[in-house]
Amino acid sequence: MITKPLNAASRSLAWLAVSAAALLAGCAIDQRLPEPVPPRPEEVRALIANLMPASVGDRAGWATDVYAALTSLGIPASLPNICAVLAITEQESS
């Protein structure tokens, strides 16, 4: 069997068909990402303690109190929120 080389239009059409098939196949598979596991409270408290200035006494106690305040107010214990609380606390304590 003798075949002719594909012209540019045929190559483009073939590429488009293969791309569409790959796209549809990818959409047909349910590939949900797993829900992120929230950090444990002790991990968050350790992070808070590590972010505090070295001059702070009873860092573990402060970390427990900051974590409790965030939790009781329903504020996520995210890095930006923790840093904001610590920055304001340091500013107001000086």
N, C-alpha and C. Protein backbone atom coordinates (compact mmCIF):
# COMPACT_ATOMS: atom_id res chain seq x y z
N MET A 1 0.83 -1.17 0.00
CA MET A 1 0.00 0.00 0.00
C MET A 1 0.88 1.24 0.00
N ILE A 2 0.63 2.13 -0.91
CA ILE A 2 1.41 3.36 -1.04
C ILE A 2 0.59 4.49 -0.43
N THR A 3 1.25 5.25 0.45
CA THR A 3 0.56 6.38 1.08
C THR A 3 1.25 7.67 0.70
N LYS A 4 0.46 8.71 0.64
CA LYS A 4 1.00 10.04 0.33
C LYS A 4 1.26 10.76 1.65
N PRO A 5 2.28 11.60 1.71
CA PRO A 5 2.50 12.40 2.90
C PRO A 5 1.31 13.35 3.11
N LEU A 6 1.02 13.63 4.35
CA LEU A 6 -0.09 14.53 4.67
C LEU A 6 0.30 15.97 4.37
N ASN A 7 -0.65 16.72 3.81
CA ASN A 7 -0.38 18.14 3.60
C ASN A 7 -0.57 18.89 4.92
N ALA A 8 -0.28 20.17 4.94
CA ALA A 8 -0.32 20.95 6.17
C ALA A 8 -1.71 20.96 6.79
N ALA A 9 -2.74 21.08 5.98
CA ALA A 9 -4.10 21.12 6.50
C ALA A 9 -4.47 19.78 7.13
N SER A 10 -4.07 18.69 6.52
CA SER A 10 -4.38 17.37 7.07
C SER A 10 -3.62 17.14 8.37
N ARG A 11 -2.37 17.59 8.44
CA ARG A 11 -1.59 17.45 9.67
C ARG A 11 -2.22 18.26 10.80
N SER A 12 -2.68 19.46 10.48
CA SER A 12 -3.32 20.30 11.50
C SER A 12 -4.60 19.67 11.99
N LEU A 13 -5.38 19.12 11.08
CA LEU A 13 -6.63 18.47 11.45
C LEU A 13 -6.36 17.23 12.31
N ALA A 14 -5.35 16.46 11.95
CA ALA A 14 -5.00 15.26 12.73
C ALA A 14 -4.52 15.66 14.12
N TRP A 15 -3.71 16.70 14.21
CA TRP A 15 -3.23 17.17 15.50
C TRP A 15 -4.40 17.64 16.36
N LEU A 16 -5.34 18.36 15.76
CA LEU A 16 -6.49 18.85 16.48
C LEU A 16 -7.35 17.69 17.00
N ALA A 17 -7.53 16.68 16.19
CA ALA A 17 -8.33 15.52 16.60
C ALA A 17 -7.67 14.77 17.76
N VAL A 18 -6.37 14.57 17.68
CA VAL A 18 -5.65 13.89 18.76
C VAL A 18 -5.69 14.72 20.04
N SER A 19 -5.52 16.04 19.92
CA SER A 19 -5.57 16.91 21.09
C SER A 19 -6.94 16.90 21.74
N ALA A 20 -7.98 16.95 20.92
CA ALA A 20 -9.34 16.93 21.45
C ALA A 20 -9.62 15.61 22.16
N ALA A 21 -9.16 14.51 21.59
CA ALA A 21 -9.36 13.20 22.21
C ALA A 21 -8.63 13.12 23.54
N ALA A 22 -7.42 13.64 23.61
CA ALA A 22 -6.65 13.63 24.85
C ALA A 22 -7.31 14.51 25.90
N LEU A 23 -7.82 15.66 25.48
CA LEU A 23 -8.49 16.56 26.41
C LEU A 23 -9.75 15.91 26.97
N LEU A 24 -10.54 15.31 26.11
CA LEU A 24 -11.76 14.65 26.57
C LEU A 24 -11.44 13.47 27.48
N ALA A 25 -10.41 12.73 27.17
CA ALA A 25 -10.03 11.59 28.01
C ALA A 25 -9.59 12.08 29.39
N GLY A 26 -8.87 13.18 29.44
CA GLY A 26 -8.43 13.74 30.71
C GLY A 26 -9.60 14.23 31.54
N CYS A 27 -10.61 14.77 30.89
CA CYS A 27 -11.79 15.26 31.62
C CYS A 27 -12.67 14.13 32.11
N ALA A 28 -12.58 12.98 31.47
CA ALA A 28 -13.44 11.86 31.83
C ALA A 28 -12.98 11.18 33.12
N ILE A 29 -11.75 11.38 33.50
CA ILE A 29 -11.20 10.74 34.70
C ILE A 29 -11.40 11.68 35.87
N ASP A 30 -11.97 11.17 36.95
CA ASP A 30 -12.19 11.97 38.15
C ASP A 30 -10.89 12.03 38.94
N GLN A 31 -10.18 13.14 38.80
CA GLN A 31 -8.89 13.30 39.46
C GLN A 31 -8.95 14.43 40.48
N ARG A 32 -9.78 14.29 41.46
CA ARG A 32 -9.87 15.31 42.50
C ARG A 32 -8.66 15.22 43.41
N LEU A 33 -8.19 16.38 43.78
CA LEU A 33 -7.09 16.42 44.73
C LEU A 33 -7.63 16.13 46.11
N PRO A 34 -6.87 15.43 46.92
CA PRO A 34 -7.34 15.18 48.28
C PRO A 34 -7.42 16.49 49.06
N GLU A 35 -8.35 16.53 49.99
CA GLU A 35 -8.48 17.71 50.84
C GLU A 35 -7.20 17.86 51.67
N PRO A 36 -6.70 19.09 51.78
CA PRO A 36 -5.51 19.27 52.61
C PRO A 36 -5.82 18.94 54.07
N VAL A 37 -4.88 18.31 54.70
CA VAL A 37 -5.04 17.95 56.11
C VAL A 37 -4.64 19.17 56.94
N PRO A 38 -5.55 19.65 57.77
CA PRO A 38 -5.18 20.82 58.59
C PRO A 38 -4.11 20.44 59.60
N PRO A 39 -3.24 21.38 59.93
CA PRO A 39 -2.19 21.07 60.91
C PRO A 39 -2.80 20.80 62.28
N ARG A 40 -2.13 19.97 63.02
CA ARG A 40 -2.58 19.68 64.39
C ARG A 40 -2.34 20.90 65.28
N PRO A 41 -3.16 21.06 66.32
CA PRO A 41 -3.00 22.23 67.20
C PRO A 41 -1.58 22.38 67.75
N GLU A 42 -0.95 21.26 68.12
CA GLU A 42 0.42 21.37 68.66
C GLU A 42 1.40 21.86 67.60
N GLU A 43 1.16 21.54 66.34
CA GLU A 43 2.02 22.05 65.27
C GLU A 43 1.83 23.56 65.10
N VAL A 44 0.60 24.01 65.19
CA VAL A 44 0.33 25.45 65.06
C VAL A 44 0.94 26.21 66.24
N ARG A 45 0.78 25.67 67.43
CA ARG A 45 1.36 26.33 68.62
C ARG A 45 2.88 26.39 68.51
N ALA A 46 3.50 25.33 67.99
CA ALA A 46 4.96 25.33 67.81
C ALA A 46 5.37 26.39 66.79
N LEU A 47 4.59 26.52 65.72
CA LEU A 47 4.87 27.55 64.71
C LEU A 47 4.77 28.94 65.33
N ILE A 48 3.71 29.16 66.10
CA ILE A 48 3.54 30.47 66.75
C ILE A 48 4.73 30.76 67.66
N ALA A 49 5.14 29.79 68.46
CA ALA A 49 6.28 29.98 69.37
C ALA A 49 7.56 30.28 68.59
N ASN A 50 7.75 29.62 67.46
CA ASN A 50 8.96 29.84 66.66
C ASN A 50 8.97 31.21 65.99
N LEU A 51 7.80 31.76 65.73
CA LEU A 51 7.72 33.06 65.06
C LEU A 51 7.88 34.23 66.03
N MET A 52 7.81 33.95 67.31
CA MET A 52 7.94 35.01 68.32
C MET A 52 9.39 35.47 68.43
N PRO A 53 9.57 36.74 68.80
CA PRO A 53 10.93 37.22 69.02
C PRO A 53 11.61 36.42 70.13
N ALA A 54 12.92 36.30 70.04
CA ALA A 54 13.69 35.51 71.01
C ALA A 54 13.59 36.08 72.42
N SER A 55 13.28 37.36 72.53
CA SER A 55 13.24 38.00 73.85
C SER A 55 11.97 37.68 74.64
N VAL A 56 10.99 37.03 74.02
CA VAL A 56 9.73 36.73 74.69
C VAL A 56 9.94 35.60 75.69
N GLY A 57 9.52 35.83 76.91
CA GLY A 57 9.56 34.78 77.92
C GLY A 57 8.29 33.94 77.85
N ASP A 58 8.36 32.71 78.26
CA ASP A 58 7.23 31.78 78.24
C ASP A 58 6.56 31.73 76.87
N ARG A 59 7.38 31.43 75.88
CA ARG A 59 6.88 31.37 74.50
C ARG A 59 5.77 30.34 74.35
N ALA A 60 5.89 29.20 75.02
CA ALA A 60 4.87 28.16 74.92
C ALA A 60 3.54 28.66 75.47
N GLY A 61 3.57 29.39 76.56
CA GLY A 61 2.35 29.95 77.14
C GLY A 61 1.70 30.97 76.22
N TRP A 62 2.53 31.84 75.64
CA TRP A 62 2.02 32.83 74.70
C TRP A 62 1.44 32.14 73.46
N ALA A 63 2.12 31.13 72.98
CA ALA A 63 1.64 30.41 71.80
C ALA A 63 0.29 29.77 72.06
N THR A 64 0.13 29.19 73.25
CA THR A 64 -1.15 28.58 73.63
C THR A 64 -2.25 29.63 73.66
N ASP A 65 -1.95 30.80 74.23
CA ASP A 65 -2.95 31.86 74.33
C ASP A 65 -3.32 32.43 72.95
N VAL A 66 -2.34 32.63 72.09
CA VAL A 66 -2.61 33.15 70.74
C VAL A 66 -3.45 32.15 69.97
N TYR A 67 -3.08 30.89 70.04
CA TYR A 67 -3.85 29.85 69.34
C TYR A 67 -5.29 29.79 69.87
N ALA A 68 -5.45 29.86 71.18
CA ALA A 68 -6.79 29.83 71.78
C ALA A 68 -7.62 31.03 71.33
N ALA A 69 -7.00 32.19 71.25
CA ALA A 69 -7.72 33.39 70.81
C ALA A 69 -8.18 33.26 69.36
N LEU A 70 -7.28 32.81 68.50
CA LEU A 70 -7.65 32.62 67.09
C LEU A 70 -8.79 31.62 66.96
N THR A 71 -8.67 30.50 67.66
CA THR A 71 -9.68 29.45 67.58
C THR A 71 -11.02 29.92 68.10
N SER A 72 -11.02 30.60 69.25
CA SER A 72 -12.29 31.04 69.84
C SER A 72 -12.98 32.09 68.99
N LEU A 73 -12.22 32.88 68.24
CA LEU A 73 -12.80 33.89 67.36
C LEU A 73 -13.15 33.34 65.97
N GLY A 74 -12.79 32.08 65.73
CA GLY A 74 -13.08 31.48 64.43
C GLY A 74 -12.18 31.99 63.32
N ILE A 75 -11.03 32.49 63.67
CA ILE A 75 -10.06 33.00 62.69
C ILE A 75 -9.12 31.87 62.33
N PRO A 76 -8.96 31.56 61.03
CA PRO A 76 -8.05 30.48 60.66
C PRO A 76 -6.63 30.78 61.14
N ALA A 77 -5.97 29.76 61.64
CA ALA A 77 -4.60 29.90 62.14
C ALA A 77 -3.63 29.79 60.98
N SER A 78 -3.79 30.68 60.00
CA SER A 78 -2.90 30.69 58.84
C SER A 78 -1.67 31.53 59.16
N LEU A 79 -0.64 31.36 58.37
CA LEU A 79 0.60 32.11 58.60
C LEU A 79 0.36 33.62 58.56
N PRO A 80 -0.38 34.16 57.58
CA PRO A 80 -0.62 35.61 57.59
C PRO A 80 -1.37 36.08 58.85
N ASN A 81 -2.36 35.31 59.29
CA ASN A 81 -3.11 35.71 60.49
C ASN A 81 -2.24 35.65 61.73
N ILE A 82 -1.43 34.59 61.85
CA ILE A 82 -0.54 34.47 63.01
C ILE A 82 0.46 35.62 63.02
N CYS A 83 1.05 35.92 61.88
CA CYS A 83 2.03 37.01 61.81
C CYS A 83 1.38 38.36 62.15
N ALA A 84 0.15 38.56 61.70
CA ALA A 84 -0.54 39.81 62.02
C ALA A 84 -0.76 39.94 63.52
N VAL A 85 -1.22 38.87 64.16
CA VAL A 85 -1.45 38.90 65.61
C VAL A 85 -0.14 39.18 66.34
N LEU A 86 0.92 38.49 65.94
CA LEU A 86 2.21 38.69 66.63
C LEU A 86 2.76 40.09 66.40
N ALA A 87 2.60 40.62 65.19
CA ALA A 87 3.11 41.97 64.90
C ALA A 87 2.35 43.02 65.72
N ILE A 88 1.04 42.90 65.78
CA ILE A 88 0.24 43.86 66.54
C ILE A 88 0.55 43.73 68.03
N THR A 89 0.68 42.50 68.52
CA THR A 89 1.00 42.29 69.93
C THR A 89 2.34 42.90 70.28
N GLU A 90 3.34 42.71 69.42
CA GLU A 90 4.66 43.27 69.68
C GLU A 90 4.61 44.79 69.64
N GLN A 91 3.87 45.33 68.67
CA GLN A 91 3.76 46.78 68.54
C GLN A 91 3.10 47.38 69.78
N GLU A 92 2.03 46.77 70.25
CA GLU A 92 1.29 47.31 71.38
C GLU A 92 1.97 47.04 72.72
N SER A 93 2.89 46.08 72.76
CA SER A 93 3.57 45.74 74.01
C SER A 93 4.80 46.60 74.23
N SER A 94 5.25 47.33 73.22
CA SER A 94 6.49 48.11 73.34
C SER A 94 6.25 49.43 74.03
